[in-house]
Amino acid sequence: MIIIGGMGALLGAFLGAAFIVLLPIGLNFAAHALSLPSSVASHLEMMLFGALIVTFLLFESHGLARIWRTAKHKLLIWPFPR
């Protein structure tokens, strides 16, 4: 949760927790819509969590909190970039 959300930021803890809670719900909904067995959905969930942790550790070490701050900053200065 902290790895994906971002260490050292309170917002990162909340974003990571929300992501960890909402991702399985979305995956279960998608698996049900695609008529996949529940065992495939649970294995897919574990593989996706592992891939996300590795991806965030390699490419975005500050997590979702940093992505949120960057996106917010870019949207604030959008019409007139510096």
C-alpha atoms as a PDB file:
ATOM      1  CA  MET A   1       0.000   0.000   0.000  1.00  0.00           C
ATOM      2  CA  ILE A   2       2.748   2.445   0.935  1.00  0.00           C
ATOM      3  CA  ILE A   3       4.933   1.391  -1.994  1.00  0.00           C
ATOM      4  CA  ILE A   4       2.185   2.127  -4.502  1.00  0.00           C
ATOM      5  CA  GLY A   5       0.875   5.215  -2.694  1.00  0.00           C
ATOM      6  CA  GLY A   6       4.216   6.782  -1.923  1.00  0.00           C
ATOM      7  CA  MET A   7       6.356   6.913   1.173  1.00  0.00           C
ATOM      8  CA  GLY A   8       6.558  10.078   3.227  1.00  0.00           C
ATOM      9  CA  ALA A   9       3.202  11.470   2.152  1.00  0.00           C
ATOM     10  CA  LEU A  10      -0.082  11.145   4.001  1.00  0.00           C
ATOM     11  CA  LEU A  11      -1.929  11.452   0.703  1.00  0.00           C
ATOM     12  CA  GLY A  12       0.119   8.523  -0.604  1.00  0.00           C
ATOM     13  CA  ALA A  13      -1.119   6.287   2.195  1.00  0.00           C
ATOM     14  CA  PHE A  14      -4.728   7.135   1.376  1.00  0.00           C
ATOM     15  CA  LEU A  15      -4.241   6.749  -2.373  1.00  0.00           C
ATOM     16  CA  GLY A  16      -2.422   3.448  -1.932  1.00  0.00           C
ATOM     17  CA  ALA A  17      -5.119   2.090   0.387  1.00  0.00           C
ATOM     18  CA  ALA A  18      -7.878   3.149  -2.004  1.00  0.00           C
ATOM     19  CA  PHE A  19      -6.024   1.561  -4.903  1.00  0.00           C
ATOM     20  CA  ILE A  20      -5.484  -1.702  -3.011  1.00  0.00           C
ATOM     21  CA  VAL A  21      -9.184  -1.848  -2.065  1.00  0.00           C
ATOM     22  CA  LEU A  22     -10.655  -0.778  -5.415  1.00  0.00           C
ATOM     23  CA  LEU A  23      -8.421  -2.812  -7.740  1.00  0.00           C
ATOM     24  CA  PRO A  24      -9.776  -6.238  -6.667  1.00  0.00           C
ATOM     25  CA  ILE A  25     -13.326  -4.938  -6.950  1.00  0.00           C
ATOM     26  CA  GLY A  26     -12.680  -3.755 -10.491  1.00  0.00           C
ATOM     27  CA  LEU A  27     -10.921  -7.000 -11.403  1.00  0.00           C
ATOM     28  CA  ASN A  28     -13.773  -9.108 -10.024  1.00  0.00           C
ATOM     29  CA  PHE A  29     -16.261  -7.044 -12.003  1.00  0.00           C
ATOM     30  CA  ALA A  30     -14.199  -7.447 -15.183  1.00  0.00           C
ATOM     31  CA  ALA A  31     -13.745 -11.193 -14.585  1.00  0.00           C
ATOM     32  CA  HIS A  32     -17.484 -11.594 -14.077  1.00  0.00           C
ATOM     33  CA  ALA A  33     -18.196  -9.608 -17.251  1.00  0.00           C
ATOM     34  CA  LEU A  34     -15.748 -11.796 -19.223  1.00  0.00           C
ATOM     35  CA  SER A  35     -17.096 -15.023 -17.628  1.00  0.00           C
ATOM     36  CA  LEU A  36     -13.716 -16.021 -16.195  1.00  0.00           C
ATOM     37  CA  PRO A  37     -13.490 -18.527 -13.346  1.00  0.00           C
ATOM     38  CA  SER A  38     -12.842 -17.065  -9.904  1.00  0.00           C
ATOM     39  CA  SER A  39      -9.495 -18.880  -9.645  1.00  0.00           C
ATOM     40  CA  VAL A  40      -8.244 -17.109 -12.778  1.00  0.00           C
ATOM     41  CA  ALA A  41      -9.395 -13.761 -11.373  1.00  0.00           C
ATOM     42  CA  SER A  42      -7.592 -14.318  -8.050  1.00  0.00           C
ATOM     43  CA  HIS A  43      -4.373 -15.364  -9.802  1.00  0.00           C
ATOM     44  CA  LEU A  44      -4.613 -12.365 -12.109  1.00  0.00           C
ATOM     45  CA  GLU A  45      -5.059 -10.116  -9.089  1.00  0.00           C
ATOM     46  CA  MET A  46      -1.883 -11.420  -7.421  1.00  0.00           C
ATOM     47  CA  MET A  47       0.129 -11.106 -10.645  1.00  0.00           C
ATOM     48  CA  LEU A  48      -1.108  -7.564 -11.188  1.00  0.00           C
ATOM     49  CA  PHE A  49      -0.251  -6.532  -7.619  1.00  0.00           C
ATOM     50  CA  GLY A  50       3.257  -7.935  -7.994  1.00  0.00           C
ATOM     51  CA  ALA A  51       3.777  -6.217 -11.336  1.00  0.00           C
ATOM     52  CA  LEU A  52       2.521  -2.905  -9.944  1.00  0.00           C
ATOM     53  CA  ILE A  53       4.839  -3.061  -6.942  1.00  0.00           C
ATOM     54  CA  VAL A  54       7.850  -3.783  -9.148  1.00  0.00           C
ATOM     55  CA  THR A  55       6.815  -1.059 -11.617  1.00  0.00           C
ATOM     56  CA  PHE A  56       6.378   1.563  -8.903  1.00  0.00           C
ATOM     57  CA  LEU A  57       9.691   0.631  -7.288  1.00  0.00           C
ATOM     58  CA  LEU A  58      11.555   0.895 -10.587  1.00  0.00           C
ATOM     59  CA  PHE A  59       9.924   3.861 -12.298  1.00  0.00           C
ATOM     60  CA  GLU A  60       8.037   5.972  -9.768  1.00  0.00           C
ATOM     61  CA  SER A  61       9.542   5.591  -6.327  1.00  0.00           C
ATOM     62  CA  HIS A  62       7.355   8.334  -4.832  1.00  0.00           C
ATOM     63  CA  GLY A  63       4.172   6.533  -5.842  1.00  0.00           C
ATOM     64  CA  LEU A  64       0.721   7.790  -6.663  1.00  0.00           C
ATOM     65  CA  ALA A  65       1.153  10.857  -4.438  1.00  0.00           C
ATOM     66  CA  ARG A  66       3.896  12.193  -6.725  1.00  0.00           C
ATOM     67  CA  ILE A  67       1.851  11.427  -9.846  1.00  0.00           C
ATOM     68  CA  TRP A  68      -1.118  13.259  -8.300  1.00  0.00           C
ATOM     69  CA  ARG A  69       1.006  16.320  -7.417  1.00  0.00           C
ATOM     70  CA  THR A  70       2.568  16.439 -10.886  1.00  0.00           C
ATOM     71  CA  ALA A  71      -0.803  16.155 -12.624  1.00  0.00           C
ATOM     72  CA  LYS A  72      -2.317  18.822 -10.361  1.00  0.00           C
ATOM     73  CA  HIS A  73       0.595  21.180 -11.019  1.00  0.00           C
ATOM     74  CA  LYS A  74       0.382  20.676 -14.788  1.00  0.00           C
ATOM     75  CA  LEU A  75      -3.365  21.283 -14.778  1.00  0.00           C
ATOM     76  CA  LEU A  76      -2.933  24.499 -12.777  1.00  0.00           C
ATOM     77  CA  ILE A  77      -0.482  26.000 -15.278  1.00  0.00           C
ATOM     78  CA  TRP A  78      -2.005  24.323 -18.334  1.00  0.00           C
ATOM     79  CA  PRO A  79      -3.011  27.215 -20.606  1.00  0.00           C
ATOM     80  CA  PHE A  80       0.254  29.097 -20.055  1.00  0.00           C
ATOM     81  CA  PRO A  81       3.174  26.725 -19.427  1.00  0.00           C
ATOM     82  CA  ARG A  82       6.366  28.259 -18.137  1.00  0.00           C
END
